[in-house]
Each structure stands twice: as structure tokens, then as C-alpha cells.
């Protein structure tokens, strides 16, 4: 029943439609009613007349995912059918990165050079600039309100620009750099939900913007490392935001969903609703912490612990785990000796850390101040989400429906479909570079205006010479 028919009009509606004496909802008995079946005397909504196709930017683009445990570079382009084709990829173990931050500039530069070089060789194309994931610099997510007077006239594009500039000025913080400015919606004279205010007549125009910023010094370090590797930073995208672009359907982003990106050094999340990114957060716990737990408890090497986690790890105990026996080499004085232990011993080390991580995710969602908007489905992605049995554990702890997420409509990834969740961020970065940013209306922050005559002169030379 549509919005024009209230419950008080139900008898009249039934008389008009010939439904007198019949219930709109079957009561009692067992009837197989298809959700696609429509009563003959109720008109359904007309079908969509057109289907919006993705219009990618022309050209070939590059994306670099700098993770704590691995780096991935993808070079590709958008296809006419709405998919992304990877032309070349590089995939190397990370060095110089800890919890998403650069801790050794030389090692990080060498790893980036090797990763990008591998992708360039495969694609037979040299890349000068790349879109990179934002995981360093302690990114923060905030909602900022702004409003400007219009005076009863028609809203112009210049008014919208002034409004955004006002919001960015309100969002500015010393020592922080704005990375994303995402208008959630506009308000025209207290009427919310306006997608595009241009052309409306109003007295006052307001907006709420989602701003993501980071530590300025971390951004300068990242830019310097890329320059040393002969690369230009073409854009930064928050890691869970990028993952959401690659693993979510448009309907999911519209209805409300949270992406939980379980990486090596950090676990990050992004909340989407009504097609907008509403919130991001980062938790400094990831899959590498699980590996270190295994290595510490079992007195084995990190390499062996990673292999045990990947091949035999699980998020919860199974009925046969005590029967399966593993041989594990020790480190230290007993490095030449193997110890035999049950698989359940490995899982007993993994399970508490995974439960702790998911508890932190739940607390972060509860504290986000988004209410019901953060209560939708959860999609797990990232390499650390590939543990056996993690979906039922996450469903229990988060109290929300949970599914696994893998990149959609992208071809040529460096892994099989079963393990492609580890490349969700890189796939989303490539989609962003190819034009997916248009769907979110991201507005880059303006450069701060130099103060003083000398600084203005330096700025003029830098921008015009």
C-alpha cells in the first residue's frame, strides 16, 4: 500500500479494489506465497525505465595498497560493460610499514619500487602517478554542519561552493589534513534530503558533511617516499571506503551496511547508508597480531606461525580439531626439534584475539552515534577475514547479519576468487581512480592560503611557474 493510503482508508480501499472480505496478508494455514507474485487487482510500481551504466574515465590508471603485511599495485582501466580490467599487478611483502604507518623510509621506498615495477612490467606501461590507500596518520572521521544565507533567491553553483568552503573551514584542525569531504545531504529552508540544491529558492542553505582527515606530517612523509620512488600521489582514499566500493552492491550501500576491513596491522570499518559514506574508524589490531600470538605461545618463528594460521587456523573450534595433529618447529635452543600438538591448540590461541577484535569493532559501531544506521548488515573483507568459521563468530559478537565480501566486477586480480578478499582495498582504489568517486561527490580540500607577502609570492611561483 502506498503512502497516499492510510490505515483509516483501508475499508474504502478494499471496496475500490474489490478486496472486501479478503486479507492483504495470509493468516493461518500453510500457503506457499512467492515474493514476486502480485495480486491481480493491485498495481505494482512501474519498472525502472533506464539502468544507469558506469561511465569510467578514459585512460589507464594505477592504484597502490600499502599494507602492513603486503603491498599491492594494480594497473587497469574501466570497460564499457561497467567492469574493471587489471592489465598488470605487483604483489610483494611489505617492509618498513607497521600498523599502516611508514616506520622505515628506505625499506618502504624499496618495497614500493619493487611492487610498482612488477605491475608496470606486467602491464607494459610506466605509471607516473597512483591513487594510494589512507591507513597511516591516524585517520579520523567527523560530521560537520555548515550553513549560509541565500536571501530568497535561487541557489547557484557558487553558493554550493561557498557552503562547502564554510564546512571545510569549520573542519580545519591544526596539524591535520582533510582527505575526504563528502556531503551527506543538503537542507533547503529546513527541508532535508535534498540531493542537489542548485535551482531551489530558499532563505538559507545548509549541509552536513562527512570529513576524514589525517596527521599532516604522515601525509608529507608518504608523499616524500613516493617522490623518492619517482611517483606522484594522485589521490588518497580511506582503506575501508575503498573496500566498500569494490565489495558492496549499490543496493547495500543504499539500505545500510558496514564494511569491516580486517588487514594485517589494522582493522578498519566504514558505514554506508542511503548511498553515502557516513563514518569510518580504525582499530590498531589485525592479522599480524594473531600471527605474533601463535609465535609467542608455541615458541615458533613468525613465518611458521603465519603458515599455521593460514593453513590450519580458524575463528572457533570444530569437532575434529583435537584429532588433527600438527608438527611445529621450535625456535631458540630447540630449533632442530619438532613438537607435535593438536590443531585445537592453534585455534585456542587464535580465537581470543579474533573475538577481541570483533568486540572492538562492535564498541566502535555502538559509539559512532549513528543509531540504527550502524545496525545494518556487516560485510567482512581483507586477508585476516579468510579464517575458517569467522562469519558465525562475527554474527554472534556483532549482533548483526554478516557475510564475506569479495571484489565485484574486476578481472585479472593476482589471486583466486577464494582469496580475493585480501585485494578488496586495491580493487576499490583502482575503481576510484577510474571514476567511482563521482558517485560520492568527494570534494578535495583547498590548499591553505599562504600568509604574508613572501609566502604569497612563493605560492604564486609554485602554482604558476
Protein backbone atom coordinates (compact mmCIF):
# COMPACT_ATOMS: atom_id res chain seq x y z
CA UNK A 1 0.00 0.00 0.00
CA UNK A 2 1.42 3.35 -0.95
CA UNK A 3 1.90 6.44 1.18
CA UNK A 4 -1.35 8.02 -0.04
CA UNK A 5 -3.47 5.30 1.55
CA UNK A 6 -3.63 5.46 5.34
CA UNK A 7 -4.83 2.67 7.60
CA UNK A 8 -8.10 4.55 8.20
CA UNK A 9 -8.81 4.36 4.48
CA UNK A 10 -8.42 0.57 4.38
CA UNK A 11 -12.15 -0.35 4.07
CA UNK A 12 -12.69 2.20 1.31
CA UNK A 13 -9.57 0.97 -0.43
CA UNK A 14 -10.87 -2.58 -0.28
CA UNK A 15 -14.23 -1.51 -1.76
CA UNK A 16 -12.49 0.30 -4.60
CA UNK A 17 -10.14 -2.56 -5.36
CA UNK A 18 -12.60 -5.39 -4.90
CA UNK A 19 -10.77 -6.86 -1.91
CA UNK A 20 -13.74 -6.86 0.51
CA UNK A 21 -13.53 -9.82 2.82
CA UNK A 22 -10.02 -10.74 1.80
CA UNK A 23 -6.94 -10.19 3.98
CA UNK A 24 -3.98 -8.45 2.42
CA UNK A 25 -1.71 -10.75 4.46
CA UNK A 26 -2.39 -14.52 4.64
CA UNK A 27 -3.36 -15.56 8.18
CA UNK A 28 -3.30 -19.16 9.37
CA UNK A 29 -2.69 -22.29 7.35
CA UNK A 30 0.38 -23.02 5.26
CA UNK A 31 0.50 -21.30 1.91
CA UNK A 32 3.46 -21.01 -0.41
CA UNK A 33 3.38 -17.35 -1.42
CA UNK A 34 6.11 -16.12 -3.75
CA UNK A 35 7.53 -12.68 -3.00
CA UNK A 36 7.40 -11.95 -6.72
CA UNK A 37 3.72 -12.80 -7.00
CA UNK A 38 1.42 -9.75 -7.13
CA UNK A 39 -2.40 -9.90 -6.61
CA UNK A 40 -4.15 -9.31 -9.91
CA UNK A 41 -6.12 -6.34 -8.61
CA UNK A 42 -3.17 -4.40 -7.11
CA UNK A 43 -0.96 -2.48 -9.49
CA UNK A 44 2.78 -2.81 -8.78
CA UNK A 45 5.22 0.06 -9.19
CA UNK A 46 6.23 0.59 -12.80
CA UNK A 47 9.65 -0.79 -13.72
CA UNK A 48 12.69 1.40 -13.96
CA UNK A 49 12.82 2.86 -17.44
CA UNK A 50 16.57 3.15 -17.62
CA UNK A 51 19.50 1.48 -15.89
CA UNK A 52 22.37 3.79 -15.07
CA UNK A 53 25.61 2.46 -16.51
CA UNK A 54 29.01 3.28 -15.09
CA UNK A 55 30.86 5.87 -17.16
CA UNK A 56 34.53 5.32 -16.43
CA UNK A 57 37.14 7.95 -17.12
CA UNK A 58 39.14 7.23 -20.28
CA UNK A 59 42.69 6.04 -19.85
CA UNK A 60 44.73 3.64 -17.76
CA UNK A 61 45.12 4.12 -14.01
CA UNK A 62 47.25 2.82 -11.18
CA UNK A 63 46.44 2.01 -7.55
CA UNK A 64 48.76 1.17 -4.67
CA UNK A 65 47.60 -0.52 -1.48
CA UNK A 66 50.29 -0.07 1.18
CA UNK A 67 49.52 -2.64 3.85
CA UNK A 68 51.37 -3.77 6.94
CA UNK A 69 51.96 -7.29 5.62
CA UNK A 70 51.76 -6.85 1.85
CA UNK A 71 51.78 -4.19 -0.86
CA UNK A 72 49.67 -4.48 -3.97
CA UNK A 73 49.81 -2.38 -7.13
CA UNK A 74 47.11 -2.71 -9.79
CA UNK A 75 47.20 -1.10 -13.23
CA UNK A 76 43.98 -1.23 -15.20
CA UNK A 77 41.12 0.50 -16.95
CA UNK A 78 37.34 0.68 -16.94
CA UNK A 79 35.44 -1.33 -19.54
CA UNK A 80 32.24 -0.36 -21.37
CA UNK A 81 30.27 -3.10 -19.56
CA UNK A 82 30.94 -1.48 -16.17
CA UNK A 83 33.74 -3.82 -15.12
CA UNK A 84 37.40 -3.09 -14.36
CA UNK A 85 40.14 -4.94 -16.21
CA UNK A 86 43.52 -5.35 -14.50
CA UNK A 87 46.30 -5.09 -17.06
CA UNK A 88 49.15 -5.70 -14.65
CA UNK A 89 49.70 -6.33 -10.97
CA UNK A 90 52.53 -6.31 -8.47
CA UNK A 91 52.30 -8.11 -5.16
CA UNK A 92 55.12 -8.08 -2.61
CA UNK A 93 55.66 -8.46 1.13
CA UNK A 94 55.68 -5.10 2.91
CA UNK A 95 58.78 -3.68 4.54
CA UNK A 96 59.13 -0.52 6.58
CA UNK A 97 55.41 -0.45 7.49
CA UNK A 98 53.93 -1.01 10.94
CA UNK A 99 50.21 -0.73 11.77
CA UNK A 100 49.68 1.03 8.46
CA UNK A 101 52.33 3.71 9.11
CA UNK A 102 55.73 4.18 7.49
CA UNK A 103 58.43 3.48 10.09
CA UNK A 104 61.45 2.95 7.80
CA UNK A 105 61.56 5.26 4.78
CA UNK A 106 64.28 3.39 2.85
CA UNK A 107 62.68 -0.03 3.27
CA UNK A 108 59.24 1.33 2.37
CA UNK A 109 60.62 3.06 -0.73
CA UNK A 110 62.35 -0.13 -1.90
CA UNK A 111 59.19 -2.19 -1.38
CA UNK A 112 57.07 0.35 -3.27
CA UNK A 113 59.57 0.46 -6.15
CA UNK A 114 59.57 -3.34 -6.44
CA UNK A 115 55.78 -3.65 -6.22
CA UNK A 116 55.02 -0.91 -8.76
CA UNK A 117 57.84 -2.09 -11.04
CA UNK A 118 56.37 -5.59 -11.11
CA UNK A 119 52.95 -4.21 -12.10
CA UNK A 120 54.47 -1.91 -14.75
CA UNK A 121 56.37 -4.81 -16.29
CA UNK A 122 53.23 -6.94 -16.46
CA UNK A 123 51.15 -4.09 -17.93
CA UNK A 124 53.98 -2.96 -20.23
CA UNK A 125 53.31 0.61 -19.17
CA UNK A 126 55.08 3.06 -16.89
CA UNK A 127 52.95 4.87 -14.31
CA UNK A 128 53.81 8.37 -13.10
CA UNK A 129 51.02 8.73 -10.52
CA UNK A 130 48.94 6.43 -8.33
CA UNK A 131 45.90 6.50 -6.07
CA UNK A 132 47.01 5.25 -2.63
CA UNK A 133 45.09 3.94 0.39
CA UNK A 134 44.90 6.00 3.56
CA UNK A 135 45.85 3.90 6.58
CA UNK A 136 48.64 5.99 8.13
CA UNK A 137 48.46 9.24 10.08
CA UNK A 138 45.72 8.09 12.47
CA UNK A 139 42.77 8.98 10.22
CA UNK A 140 39.72 10.45 11.96
CA UNK A 141 36.10 10.66 10.83
CA UNK A 142 33.84 13.58 11.76
CA UNK A 143 30.46 15.04 10.83
CA UNK A 144 30.49 18.82 10.24
CA UNK A 145 27.47 21.11 9.82
CA UNK A 146 27.56 24.32 7.79
CA UNK A 147 25.00 26.88 6.63
CA UNK A 148 24.96 30.11 4.63
CA UNK A 149 22.22 32.72 3.90
CA UNK A 150 20.73 32.80 0.40
CA UNK A 151 18.16 35.58 0.81
CA UNK A 152 15.19 34.11 -1.01
CA UNK A 153 16.83 33.80 -4.41
CA UNK A 154 17.80 30.76 -6.48
CA UNK A 155 20.71 28.64 -5.27
CA UNK A 156 23.66 28.68 -7.66
CA UNK A 157 26.74 26.51 -8.04
CA UNK A 158 28.75 29.31 -6.44
CA UNK A 159 26.53 29.13 -3.36
CA UNK A 160 27.22 25.43 -3.03
CA UNK A 161 30.95 26.08 -3.31
CA UNK A 162 30.72 28.74 -0.59
CA UNK A 163 28.81 26.32 1.63
CA UNK A 164 31.42 23.58 1.17
CA UNK A 165 34.23 26.07 1.86
CA UNK A 166 32.44 27.09 5.06
CA UNK A 167 32.23 23.44 6.12
CA UNK A 168 35.89 22.82 5.32
CA UNK A 169 36.86 25.88 7.35
CA UNK A 170 34.88 24.53 10.29
CA UNK A 171 36.58 21.13 9.87
CA UNK A 172 40.12 22.53 9.82
CA UNK A 173 42.33 21.46 12.71
CA UNK A 174 45.96 22.34 13.42
CA UNK A 175 48.30 19.59 12.27
CA UNK A 176 45.59 17.71 10.34
CA UNK A 177 44.99 17.41 6.59
CA UNK A 178 41.50 16.86 5.16
CA UNK A 179 41.39 13.88 2.79
CA UNK A 180 37.67 13.38 2.14
CA UNK A 181 34.90 15.99 2.15
CA UNK A 182 31.66 14.09 1.49
CA UNK A 183 28.35 15.99 1.60
CA UNK A 184 25.75 13.68 3.13
CA UNK A 185 22.81 15.83 2.08
CA UNK A 186 21.59 19.40 1.79
CA UNK A 187 18.89 21.22 3.73
CA UNK A 188 16.86 23.94 1.98
CA UNK A 189 14.93 26.09 4.49
CA UNK A 190 14.69 23.19 6.98
CA UNK A 191 13.67 20.71 4.25
CA UNK A 192 16.22 17.86 4.48
CA UNK A 193 17.20 15.20 1.99
CA UNK A 194 17.95 17.49 -0.96
CA UNK A 195 20.43 15.74 -3.27
CA UNK A 196 21.29 18.82 -5.39
CA UNK A 197 20.19 22.25 -4.12
CA UNK A 198 21.05 24.17 -7.30
CA UNK A 199 17.92 25.84 -8.65
CA UNK A 200 15.98 25.76 -5.36
CA UNK A 201 14.58 29.01 -3.95
CA UNK A 202 15.36 29.47 -0.26
CA UNK A 203 16.40 31.79 2.55
CA UNK A 204 19.11 29.52 3.99
CA UNK A 205 21.14 26.62 2.63
CA UNK A 206 22.74 24.08 4.97
CA UNK A 207 24.59 20.78 4.71
CA UNK A 208 26.09 18.05 6.83
CA UNK A 209 29.44 16.80 5.60
CA UNK A 210 31.47 13.74 6.47
CA UNK A 211 35.10 14.77 6.80
CA UNK A 212 38.04 12.34 7.02
CA UNK A 213 41.41 13.82 7.92
CA UNK A 214 44.87 12.62 8.89
CA UNK A 215 48.09 13.78 10.52
CA UNK A 216 49.80 16.29 8.23
CA UNK A 217 53.33 15.04 8.93
CA UNK A 218 52.35 11.46 7.99
CA UNK A 219 50.97 12.74 4.69
CA UNK A 220 54.19 14.63 3.96
CA UNK A 221 56.23 11.50 4.74
CA UNK A 222 54.09 9.38 2.42
CA UNK A 223 54.39 11.97 -0.34
CA UNK A 224 58.17 12.14 0.10
CA UNK A 225 58.55 8.34 -0.07
CA UNK A 226 56.53 8.23 -3.29
CA UNK A 227 58.60 11.05 -4.78
CA UNK A 228 61.79 9.15 -3.93
CA UNK A 229 60.28 6.21 -5.82
CA UNK A 230 59.63 8.58 -8.79
CA UNK A 231 55.87 8.51 -8.28
CA UNK A 232 53.23 11.18 -7.71
CA UNK A 233 50.39 10.90 -5.22
CA UNK A 234 47.28 11.22 -7.38
CA UNK A 235 44.80 10.77 -4.53
CA UNK A 236 44.23 9.24 -1.12
CA UNK A 237 41.26 7.03 -0.24
CA UNK A 238 40.46 5.64 3.21
CA UNK A 239 41.06 1.88 3.14
CA UNK A 240 37.59 0.73 4.29
CA UNK A 241 35.99 3.25 1.92
CA UNK A 242 37.92 1.69 -0.98
CA UNK A 243 36.96 -1.81 0.14
CA UNK A 244 33.30 -0.79 0.27
CA UNK A 245 33.48 0.46 -3.31
CA UNK A 246 34.75 -2.92 -4.53
CA UNK A 247 32.73 -5.42 -2.47
CA UNK A 248 29.32 -3.79 -1.99
CA UNK A 249 26.34 -3.67 -4.32
CA UNK A 250 24.72 -0.27 -4.78
CA UNK A 251 21.56 -1.57 -3.07
CA UNK A 252 23.56 -2.50 0.03
CA UNK A 253 25.08 0.97 0.27
CA UNK A 254 21.59 2.42 -0.08
CA UNK A 255 19.92 0.24 2.60
CA UNK A 256 22.74 0.45 5.14
CA UNK A 257 25.84 -1.69 5.57
CA UNK A 258 29.14 -1.67 7.43
CA UNK A 259 32.37 -2.88 5.80
CA UNK A 260 34.93 -4.31 8.21
CA UNK A 261 38.35 -4.46 6.54
CA UNK A 262 40.50 -6.92 8.51
CA UNK A 263 44.04 -6.13 7.45
CA UNK A 264 47.44 -7.20 8.70
CA UNK A 265 48.20 -4.33 11.07
CA UNK A 266 44.83 -2.65 11.48
CA UNK A 267 41.11 -3.39 11.31
CA UNK A 268 39.10 -0.53 9.83
CA UNK A 269 35.41 -0.02 9.20
CA UNK A 270 33.16 2.13 7.04
CA UNK A 271 29.42 2.70 7.50
CA UNK A 272 27.32 3.35 4.38
CA UNK A 273 23.65 4.33 4.19
CA UNK A 274 21.49 5.95 1.50
CA UNK A 275 24.43 5.63 -0.87
CA UNK A 276 26.69 7.80 1.31
CA UNK A 277 29.74 7.13 3.47
CA UNK A 278 28.70 8.18 6.97
CA UNK A 279 31.54 7.05 9.22
CA UNK A 280 34.99 5.46 9.23
CA UNK A 281 37.14 4.20 12.08
CA UNK A 282 40.43 2.37 12.56
CA UNK A 283 41.39 -0.18 15.22
CA UNK A 284 45.09 -0.90 15.60
CA UNK A 285 44.69 -4.68 15.74
CA UNK A 286 44.95 -7.00 12.75
CA UNK A 287 46.01 -10.36 11.40
CA UNK A 288 49.67 -9.81 12.26
CA UNK A 289 48.73 -9.71 15.95
CA UNK A 290 47.20 -13.18 15.55
CA UNK A 291 50.45 -14.40 13.96
CA UNK A 292 52.51 -12.96 16.81
CA UNK A 293 50.21 -14.61 19.37
CA UNK A 294 50.76 -18.01 17.75
CA UNK A 295 54.53 -17.50 17.54
CA UNK A 296 54.74 -16.44 21.19
CA UNK A 297 52.57 -19.20 22.68
CA UNK A 298 54.04 -22.02 20.57
CA UNK A 299 57.67 -20.75 20.64
CA UNK A 300 57.95 -20.89 16.88
CA UNK A 301 59.03 -18.45 14.16
CA UNK A 302 56.75 -15.79 12.70
CA UNK A 303 56.98 -17.48 9.32
CA UNK A 304 55.84 -20.81 10.77
CA UNK A 305 53.11 -19.07 12.77
CA UNK A 306 51.81 -17.37 9.61
CA UNK A 307 51.73 -20.72 7.82
CA UNK A 308 49.88 -22.35 10.74
CA UNK A 309 47.33 -19.51 10.77
CA UNK A 310 46.78 -19.63 7.01
CA UNK A 311 46.60 -23.41 6.60
CA UNK A 312 45.14 -24.62 9.89
CA UNK A 313 43.72 -21.55 11.62
CA UNK A 314 40.05 -21.00 12.45
CA UNK A 315 37.99 -18.50 14.42
CA UNK A 316 36.26 -21.19 16.50
CA UNK A 317 36.72 -24.82 17.48
CA UNK A 318 35.43 -27.68 15.34
CA UNK A 319 34.54 -31.22 16.29
CA UNK A 320 37.62 -32.77 14.64
CA UNK A 321 40.24 -30.23 15.71
CA UNK A 322 41.54 -32.32 18.61
CA UNK A 323 42.13 -35.33 16.33
CA UNK A 324 44.29 -33.46 13.82
CA UNK A 325 47.97 -33.45 14.87
CA UNK A 326 50.47 -30.86 13.61
CA UNK A 327 54.29 -30.87 13.72
CA UNK A 328 55.69 -27.46 14.64
CA UNK A 329 59.41 -26.49 14.62
CA UNK A 330 60.63 -24.57 17.67
CA UNK A 331 62.98 -21.59 17.88
CA UNK A 332 65.88 -20.99 20.23
CA UNK A 333 67.93 -23.80 21.75
CA UNK A 334 65.49 -26.41 20.48
CA UNK A 335 65.37 -25.10 16.90
CA UNK A 336 66.18 -28.53 15.46
CA UNK A 337 63.30 -30.21 17.28
CA UNK A 338 59.68 -30.62 16.22
CA UNK A 339 56.84 -30.60 18.71
CA UNK A 340 53.58 -32.40 17.97
CA UNK A 341 50.37 -30.71 19.03
CA UNK A 342 46.68 -30.74 18.28
CA UNK A 343 45.18 -28.30 15.79
CA UNK A 344 42.84 -27.21 18.58
CA UNK A 345 45.87 -25.72 20.37
CA UNK A 346 46.48 -23.34 17.45
CA UNK A 347 42.81 -22.38 17.31
CA UNK A 348 42.72 -21.77 21.07
CA UNK A 349 45.36 -19.06 20.51
CA UNK A 350 43.58 -17.51 17.52
CA UNK A 351 40.03 -17.42 18.88
CA UNK A 352 40.51 -14.94 21.77
CA UNK A 353 42.29 -12.41 19.55
CA UNK A 354 39.60 -12.61 16.85
CA UNK A 355 36.87 -12.23 19.48
CA UNK A 356 38.70 -9.24 20.98
CA UNK A 357 38.99 -7.60 17.55
CA UNK A 358 35.30 -8.07 16.82
CA UNK A 359 34.37 -6.76 20.27
CA UNK A 360 36.36 -3.60 19.49
CA UNK A 361 34.51 -3.31 16.17
CA UNK A 362 31.16 -3.61 17.98
CA UNK A 363 32.17 -0.96 20.51
CA UNK A 364 33.28 1.35 17.71
CA UNK A 365 29.92 0.97 15.95
CA UNK A 366 27.99 1.48 19.18
CA UNK A 367 29.99 4.64 19.95
CA UNK A 368 29.70 6.11 16.45
CA UNK A 369 26.49 7.95 17.32
CA UNK A 370 24.73 6.75 14.17
CA UNK A 371 21.95 4.84 15.92
CA UNK A 372 20.04 2.47 13.65
CA UNK A 373 22.16 3.49 10.65
CA UNK A 374 25.02 1.39 12.07
CA UNK A 375 22.79 -1.64 12.74
CA UNK A 376 22.62 -2.97 9.19
CA UNK A 377 24.43 -5.88 7.63
CA UNK A 378 28.18 -6.28 8.11
CA UNK A 379 30.48 -7.33 5.27
CA UNK A 380 33.88 -8.74 6.23
CA UNK A 381 36.82 -8.34 3.90
CA UNK A 382 40.61 -8.22 4.00
CA UNK A 383 43.14 -11.02 4.32
CA UNK A 384 42.52 -11.64 8.03
CA UNK A 385 38.82 -12.28 7.32
CA UNK A 386 39.64 -15.50 5.48
CA UNK A 387 39.85 -17.54 8.71
CA UNK A 388 37.55 -20.55 8.72
CA UNK A 389 34.40 -20.04 10.80
CA UNK A 390 34.73 -16.28 11.18
CA UNK A 391 31.22 -15.45 9.89
CA UNK A 392 29.27 -17.19 12.70
CA UNK A 393 31.63 -15.75 15.31
CA UNK A 394 31.19 -12.24 13.90
CA UNK A 395 27.41 -12.69 13.72
CA UNK A 396 27.31 -13.65 17.39
CA UNK A 397 29.56 -10.86 18.66
CA UNK A 398 28.35 -8.02 16.42
CA UNK A 399 24.68 -8.95 16.72
CA UNK A 400 24.15 -8.19 13.04
CA UNK A 401 23.85 -10.24 9.82
CA UNK A 402 27.34 -10.91 8.45
CA UNK A 403 28.61 -12.05 5.08
CA UNK A 404 32.01 -12.32 3.41
CA UNK A 405 32.89 -9.70 0.80
CA UNK A 406 34.98 -10.13 -2.33
CA UNK A 407 35.74 -7.64 -5.13
CA UNK A 408 32.99 -7.46 -7.74
CA UNK A 409 33.22 -6.76 -11.47
CA UNK A 410 37.01 -6.72 -11.57
CA UNK A 411 39.03 -9.16 -13.64
CA UNK A 412 42.69 -10.09 -13.58
CA UNK A 413 43.37 -9.96 -9.83
CA UNK A 414 46.55 -11.73 -8.66
CA UNK A 415 44.67 -14.36 -6.63
CA UNK A 416 41.94 -16.94 -6.88
CA UNK A 417 38.36 -15.94 -6.13
CA UNK A 418 38.51 -17.75 -2.77
CA UNK A 419 41.31 -15.48 -1.50
CA UNK A 420 40.40 -12.31 -3.39
CA UNK A 421 39.09 -10.61 -0.20
CA UNK A 422 42.71 -9.68 0.50
CA UNK A 423 42.68 -7.45 -2.59
CA UNK A 424 39.45 -5.57 -1.84
CA UNK A 425 41.19 -2.29 -1.00
CA UNK A 426 43.42 -2.36 -4.09
CA UNK A 427 40.42 -3.13 -6.30
CA UNK A 428 38.45 -0.25 -4.79
CA UNK A 429 41.37 2.14 -5.24
CA UNK A 430 41.54 1.25 -8.94
CA UNK A 431 37.77 1.76 -9.30
CA UNK A 432 38.09 5.14 -7.55
CA UNK A 433 40.87 6.20 -9.91
CA UNK A 434 38.74 5.14 -12.89
CA UNK A 435 35.77 7.25 -11.82
CA UNK A 436 33.87 5.67 -8.92
CA UNK A 437 34.47 8.85 -6.88
CA UNK A 438 31.71 10.57 -8.86
CA UNK A 439 29.08 8.51 -7.02
CA UNK A 440 30.07 10.02 -3.67
CA UNK A 441 30.65 13.68 -4.59
CA UNK A 442 34.01 13.85 -2.81
CA UNK A 443 35.32 17.42 -2.76
CA UNK A 444 39.06 17.83 -2.38
CA UNK A 445 40.14 20.25 0.31
CA UNK A 446 41.58 23.57 -0.91
CA UNK A 447 45.21 24.30 -0.21
CA UNK A 448 45.72 26.70 2.70
CA UNK A 449 46.33 30.24 1.50
CA UNK A 450 49.88 31.45 2.29
CA UNK A 451 50.05 34.39 4.68
CA UNK A 452 52.39 37.32 4.29
CA UNK A 453 53.95 38.87 1.20
CA UNK A 454 56.86 36.44 0.91
CA UNK A 455 54.66 33.38 1.39
CA UNK A 456 52.13 34.67 -1.16
CA UNK A 457 54.98 35.18 -3.63
CA UNK A 458 56.28 31.66 -3.03
CA UNK A 459 52.78 30.29 -3.51
CA UNK A 460 52.33 32.25 -6.76
CA UNK A 461 55.65 30.95 -8.15
CA UNK A 462 54.83 27.38 -7.13
CA UNK A 463 51.40 27.48 -8.79
CA UNK A 464 52.22 29.45 -11.94
CA UNK A 465 55.85 28.91 -12.88
